[in-house]
Amino acid sequence: MECWGASGTTNTLGGKGGYTKGNIILNANTIFYIYVGGCGIAPSSNKQYVTSPGGWNGGGSAIQNYNSDFFSLSCTSGGGATDIRTINGNWDNFNSLKSRIMVAGAGGGFYIDEHNHSTAYVTDTGGGAGGLIGLSGTKKEYGSGYSSSSLPTGGTQTSGGLGMYGWMASENSYFTEGNGRFCAGGDSPTQSGGGGAGYYGGGSGSCVSGSGGSSFISGHTGCNAITSSSTSSNIVHTGQPNHYSGYVFTNTVMKAGNEVMPSPTGGTETGHSGNGYCKITWHPSL
């Protein structure tokens, strides 16, 4: 089984999706449910505060600002993860989510600020998917009112990525915005790229690109499975990689969004761009 997570957009600025692979021996008539992530989405029009919904299967939303007299801002939502589950349900149904035995994380959305609609003042690329930990997006200082002390972080094996944390001089206070969560990327609170989905989603923020989500494979070294008794309000991790269902992969491969990986259409690619993908190949010799 192979999965590719979606990217934060189809161009070079969006964070790229990750790749997961593993072999598994199954009984006849075993049923799995495949959820294929959707690519991050650009704003539909040049208007103030247009929200772009996240890519399907957990991508964080993005918010664009636009001022026809002075500047324009463009950003995309985070991509959706691609995963394999043992229980059917809506993409965000918790019982379905916790049954995931393989997850390929998605990339975060980008952020561009153009002054006078021509000169790129800030260009921030989205963070690629993990690996065990999603990759951070990029950020540049924006105006005199903000002084960021950290970037949004990628999702991990036990928590969503943190949204941008910093000091807002105009308000004389600290701010934390756009945290990722189990399965989903952080939503942009204002004019930023969305976080990528994954086992845990990447963070977003304000005036910043989104970070990538983490990946998961039952049986892969370094992964941290949850217990069957976990609830949406109390997720408990086992500290070991094997999923409680007993479905465990061997010969596993996990690639982050900045690594060379097989392409679903043949050949290789560095990170996956576009919508996600899943490929299942029968090997009678197993």
Protein backbone atom coordinates (compact mmCIF):
# COMPACT_ATOMS: atom_id res chain seq x y z
CA MET A 1 0.00 0.00 0.00
CA GLU A 2 1.28 3.47 -0.94
CA CYS A 3 -0.13 6.90 -0.06
CA TRP A 4 0.77 10.42 -1.20
CA GLY A 5 -0.49 13.47 0.71
CA ALA A 6 -1.72 16.57 -1.12
CA SER A 7 0.24 19.81 -1.47
CA GLY A 8 -0.64 23.33 -0.32
CA THR A 9 -1.07 24.31 -3.99
CA THR A 10 0.04 23.04 -7.39
CA ASN A 11 2.76 25.68 -7.91
CA THR A 12 6.23 25.73 -6.37
CA LEU A 13 5.23 27.87 -3.36
CA GLY A 14 2.92 25.38 -1.68
CA GLY A 15 4.34 22.83 0.73
CA LYS A 16 4.61 19.38 -0.86
CA GLY A 17 2.86 16.22 0.27
CA GLY A 18 4.60 13.26 1.89
CA TYR A 19 4.81 9.57 0.94
CA THR A 20 4.19 6.37 2.89
CA LYS A 21 4.53 2.72 1.89
CA GLY A 22 4.32 -0.68 3.51
CA ASN A 23 3.55 -4.35 2.93
CA ILE A 24 0.77 -6.12 4.81
CA ILE A 25 -0.67 -9.66 4.74
CA LEU A 26 -4.47 -9.75 4.71
CA ASN A 27 -7.27 -12.27 4.79
CA ALA A 28 -9.64 -12.48 1.83
CA ASN A 29 -12.49 -9.94 1.81
CA THR A 30 -10.75 -7.55 4.19
CA ILE A 31 -12.29 -4.09 3.79
CA PHE A 32 -10.42 -0.79 4.13
CA TYR A 33 -11.58 2.77 3.49
CA ILE A 34 -9.37 5.11 1.49
CA TYR A 35 -9.50 8.89 2.04
CA VAL A 36 -7.57 10.79 -0.62
CA GLY A 37 -6.49 14.34 0.26
CA GLY A 38 -7.38 17.37 -1.83
CA CYS A 39 -4.90 20.06 -2.89
CA GLY A 40 -4.89 23.42 -1.10
CA ILE A 41 -7.19 26.05 -2.61
CA ALA A 42 -6.49 29.62 -3.75
CA PRO A 43 -8.95 32.48 -3.11
CA SER A 44 -11.86 32.64 -5.53
CA SER A 45 -11.72 36.43 -6.02
CA ASN A 46 -9.70 39.56 -5.24
CA LYS A 47 -11.75 40.78 -2.31
CA GLN A 48 -11.02 41.54 1.31
CA TYR A 49 -11.10 38.65 3.74
CA VAL A 50 -12.02 35.88 1.34
CA THR A 51 -11.74 32.48 3.03
CA SER A 52 -10.33 29.53 1.06
CA PRO A 53 -11.52 26.21 2.51
CA GLY A 54 -8.86 23.65 3.32
CA GLY A 55 -8.03 20.81 0.95
CA TRP A 56 -10.35 17.87 1.58
CA ASN A 57 -9.47 15.54 4.46
CA GLY A 58 -8.18 18.03 6.98
CA GLY A 59 -6.42 20.93 5.27
CA GLY A 60 -6.46 24.20 7.23
CA SER A 61 -8.34 27.15 5.71
CA ALA A 62 -6.69 30.37 4.51
CA ILE A 63 -7.83 34.00 4.58
CA GLN A 64 -6.86 36.54 1.93
CA ASN A 65 -6.83 40.32 2.32
CA TYR A 66 -7.04 42.70 -0.63
CA ASN A 67 -6.91 46.47 -0.91
CA SER A 68 -7.38 47.84 -4.42
CA ASP A 69 -5.62 51.12 -3.57
CA PHE A 70 -2.40 49.84 -2.02
CA PHE A 71 -1.59 46.16 -1.67
CA SER A 72 -2.81 42.68 -2.37
CA LEU A 73 -2.27 39.51 -0.45
CA SER A 74 -2.59 35.99 -1.75
CA CYS A 75 -2.46 32.74 0.17
CA THR A 76 -3.68 29.17 -0.17
CA SER A 77 -5.20 26.69 2.21
CA GLY A 78 -3.38 23.60 3.44
CA GLY A 79 -3.54 20.29 1.62
CA GLY A 80 -5.47 17.26 2.83
CA ALA A 81 -3.84 14.05 4.04
CA THR A 82 -4.32 10.68 2.34
CA ASP A 83 -5.05 7.81 4.71
CA ILE A 84 -6.23 4.20 5.03
CA ARG A 85 -8.84 3.36 7.68
CA THR A 86 -10.59 0.30 9.03
CA ILE A 87 -13.80 2.19 9.98
CA ASN A 88 -15.96 4.22 7.60
CA GLY A 89 -17.42 7.64 8.42
CA ASN A 90 -17.18 11.33 7.64
CA TRP A 91 -13.57 12.42 7.18
CA ASP A 92 -13.55 14.08 10.63
CA ASN A 93 -15.48 11.40 12.51
CA PHE A 94 -13.22 10.54 15.44
CA ASN A 95 -13.90 6.79 15.53
CA SER A 96 -13.04 6.65 11.84
CA LEU A 97 -9.96 8.84 12.32
CA LYS A 98 -8.50 6.78 15.11
CA SER A 99 -8.78 3.67 12.92
CA ARG A 100 -6.17 5.07 10.49
CA ILE A 101 -3.35 2.59 9.95
CA MET A 102 -1.47 4.65 7.35
CA VAL A 103 -1.38 8.42 6.85
CA ALA A 104 0.59 10.45 4.30
CA GLY A 105 0.84 14.03 5.55
CA ALA A 106 0.06 17.10 3.45
CA GLY A 107 1.84 20.39 2.78
CA GLY A 108 0.92 23.83 4.12
CA GLY A 109 -0.36 26.76 2.08
CA PHE A 110 1.80 29.71 0.94
CA TYR A 111 1.54 33.44 1.70
CA ILE A 112 2.41 36.37 -0.59
CA ASP A 113 2.12 40.10 0.14
CA GLU A 114 2.48 42.45 -2.83
CA HIS A 115 2.73 46.21 -2.46
CA ASN A 116 1.14 48.27 -5.23
CA HIS A 117 0.06 44.97 -6.88
CA SER A 118 3.47 44.46 -8.45
CA THR A 119 6.40 44.08 -6.06
CA ALA A 120 6.52 41.00 -3.83
CA TYR A 121 7.17 42.40 -0.36
CA VAL A 122 6.89 39.02 1.37
CA THR A 123 6.92 35.59 -0.25
CA ASP A 124 6.61 32.69 2.20
CA THR A 125 6.55 29.09 0.98
CA GLY A 126 4.43 26.47 2.72
CA GLY A 127 6.06 23.82 4.86
CA GLY A 128 6.24 20.30 3.44
CA ALA A 129 4.68 17.25 5.05
CA GLY A 130 6.58 14.95 7.41
CA GLY A 131 8.03 12.26 8.00
CA LEU A 132 7.47 11.74 11.63
CA ILE A 133 7.32 15.53 12.05
CA GLY A 134 5.92 18.03 9.55
CA LEU A 135 8.16 20.76 8.18
CA SER A 136 7.77 24.39 9.23
CA GLY A 137 6.65 27.06 6.83
CA THR A 138 8.60 30.26 6.34
CA LYS A 139 7.92 33.76 7.61
CA LYS A 140 9.33 37.25 7.18
CA GLU A 141 8.72 40.27 9.37
CA TYR A 142 5.53 42.09 8.49
CA GLY A 143 5.29 45.76 9.41
CA SER A 144 6.38 47.42 12.63
CA GLY A 145 3.51 46.09 14.74
CA TYR A 146 4.60 42.45 14.75
CA SER A 147 7.76 40.86 16.07
CA SER A 148 7.48 37.12 15.70
CA SER A 149 9.44 34.94 18.11
CA SER A 150 8.74 31.65 16.32
CA LEU A 151 7.39 30.07 13.15
CA PRO A 152 4.38 27.78 13.00
CA THR A 153 5.59 24.24 13.54
CA GLY A 154 4.72 20.97 11.81
CA GLY A 155 2.52 18.27 13.27
CA THR A 156 4.25 15.60 15.35
CA GLN A 157 3.37 12.05 16.44
CA THR A 158 1.55 13.29 19.54
CA SER A 159 0.34 16.85 18.89
CA GLY A 160 -0.69 19.37 16.28
CA GLY A 161 1.80 21.98 15.15
CA LEU A 162 1.83 25.24 17.07
CA GLY A 163 0.51 28.35 15.37
CA MET A 164 2.73 31.40 15.06
CA TYR A 165 3.69 32.70 18.48
CA GLY A 166 5.03 36.17 19.00
CA TRP A 167 4.68 39.67 20.40
CA MET A 168 2.17 42.18 19.02
CA ALA A 169 3.56 45.61 19.83
CA SER A 170 0.36 47.45 18.96
CA GLU A 171 -1.59 45.39 21.51
CA ASN A 172 1.24 45.03 24.05
CA SER A 173 0.54 41.29 24.28
CA TYR A 174 1.61 37.86 23.08
CA PHE A 175 -0.42 35.93 20.53
CA THR A 176 -0.73 32.30 19.44
CA GLU A 177 -2.84 31.58 16.40
CA GLY A 178 -3.77 28.70 14.12
CA ASN A 179 -2.75 25.58 16.05
CA GLY A 180 -2.95 22.23 14.23
CA ARG A 181 -4.83 19.31 15.74
CA PHE A 182 -5.39 15.56 15.45
CA CYS A 183 -5.89 14.92 11.70
CA ALA A 184 -6.28 18.58 10.62
CA GLY A 185 -4.11 21.59 9.84
CA GLY A 186 -4.52 24.88 11.66
CA ASP A 187 -7.00 27.37 10.20
CA SER A 188 -5.67 30.82 9.42
CA PRO A 189 -7.14 33.42 11.82
CA THR A 190 -6.32 36.21 9.36
CA GLN A 191 -4.45 36.59 6.04
CA SER A 192 -2.24 33.51 6.11
CA GLY A 193 -1.72 30.09 4.52
CA GLY A 194 -3.46 27.13 6.13
CA GLY A 195 -1.71 24.25 7.84
CA GLY A 196 -1.34 20.87 6.11
CA ALA A 197 -3.30 17.87 7.37
CA GLY A 198 -1.77 14.63 8.62
CA TYR A 199 -1.67 12.23 11.52
CA TYR A 200 -1.48 15.56 13.31
CA GLY A 201 -1.85 18.77 11.30
CA GLY A 202 0.63 21.63 10.93
CA GLY A 203 0.18 25.12 12.37
CA SER A 204 -0.87 28.34 10.67
CA GLY A 205 -0.75 31.91 11.97
CA SER A 206 -1.05 35.53 10.92
CA CYS A 207 0.88 36.92 7.93
CA VAL A 208 2.72 33.64 7.52
CA SER A 209 2.66 30.41 5.50
CA GLY A 210 1.28 27.14 6.87
CA SER A 211 3.37 24.22 8.11
CA GLY A 212 3.08 20.56 7.11
CA GLY A 213 1.31 17.66 8.77
CA SER A 214 2.98 14.51 10.08
CA SER A 215 2.70 11.00 8.62
CA PHE A 216 2.00 7.65 10.28
CA ILE A 217 2.44 3.96 9.40
CA SER A 218 1.42 1.20 11.78
CA GLY A 219 4.66 -0.68 12.51
CA HIS A 220 7.05 2.07 11.36
CA THR A 221 9.87 2.87 13.81
CA GLY A 222 9.29 6.20 15.56
CA CYS A 223 5.52 6.29 15.02
CA ASN A 224 3.33 6.60 18.10
CA ALA A 225 -0.05 4.84 17.89
CA ILE A 226 -3.09 5.80 19.95
CA THR A 227 -5.11 3.49 22.19
CA SER A 228 -8.47 2.05 21.21
CA SER A 229 -10.02 3.78 24.25
CA SER A 230 -8.96 7.25 23.09
CA THR A 231 -11.70 9.83 22.71
CA SER A 232 -11.74 13.15 20.89
CA SER A 233 -11.24 14.93 24.22
CA ASN A 234 -8.68 12.49 25.61
CA ILE A 235 -6.22 11.03 23.10
CA VAL A 236 -3.79 8.60 24.72
CA HIS A 237 -0.65 7.37 22.96
CA THR A 238 0.96 3.99 23.52
CA GLY A 239 4.58 4.96 22.86
CA GLN A 240 4.89 2.19 20.26
CA PRO A 241 4.15 2.11 16.52
CA ASN A 242 1.66 -0.76 16.17
CA HIS A 243 -1.99 0.20 15.69
CA TYR A 244 -4.49 -1.33 18.13
CA SER A 245 -6.34 -3.02 15.21
CA GLY A 246 -3.47 -5.47 14.79
CA TYR A 247 -2.87 -4.38 11.19
CA VAL A 248 0.88 -3.80 11.04
CA PHE A 249 2.99 -3.03 7.96
CA THR A 250 6.45 -4.36 7.19
CA ASN A 251 9.19 -3.01 4.88
CA THR A 252 7.89 0.48 5.56
CA VAL A 253 9.04 3.65 3.80
CA MET A 254 8.22 7.22 4.88
CA LYS A 255 9.30 10.34 2.97
CA ALA A 256 8.87 14.00 3.90
CA GLY A 257 7.70 16.63 1.43
CA ASN A 258 11.25 17.79 0.69
CA GLU A 259 12.59 14.31 -0.15
CA VAL A 260 12.81 12.35 -3.39
CA MET A 261 10.00 9.80 -3.59
CA PRO A 262 8.28 7.63 -6.21
CA SER A 263 5.70 9.46 -8.31
CA PRO A 264 2.26 7.84 -8.54
CA THR A 265 2.43 8.24 -12.33
CA GLY A 266 5.93 6.77 -12.68
CA GLY A 267 9.47 7.96 -12.11
CA THR A 268 10.34 10.10 -9.09
CA GLU A 269 9.45 13.51 -7.68
CA THR A 270 10.70 15.72 -4.84
CA GLY A 271 7.65 15.94 -2.63
CA HIS A 272 4.20 15.34 -4.07
CA SER A 273 2.38 18.17 -5.84
CA GLY A 274 -1.38 18.35 -6.44
CA ASN A 275 -4.11 16.13 -5.06
CA GLY A 276 -3.22 13.10 -3.00
CA TYR A 277 -3.07 9.56 -4.31
CA CYS A 278 -3.31 5.98 -3.07
CA LYS A 279 -2.02 2.87 -4.78
CA ILE A 280 -2.60 -0.74 -3.71
CA THR A 281 -0.62 -3.52 -5.38
CA TRP A 282 -1.30 -7.22 -4.89
CA HIS A 283 1.78 -9.38 -4.35
CA PRO A 284 0.77 -13.08 -4.38
CA SER A 285 4.23 -14.06 -3.11
CA LEU A 286 3.56 -12.40 0.24
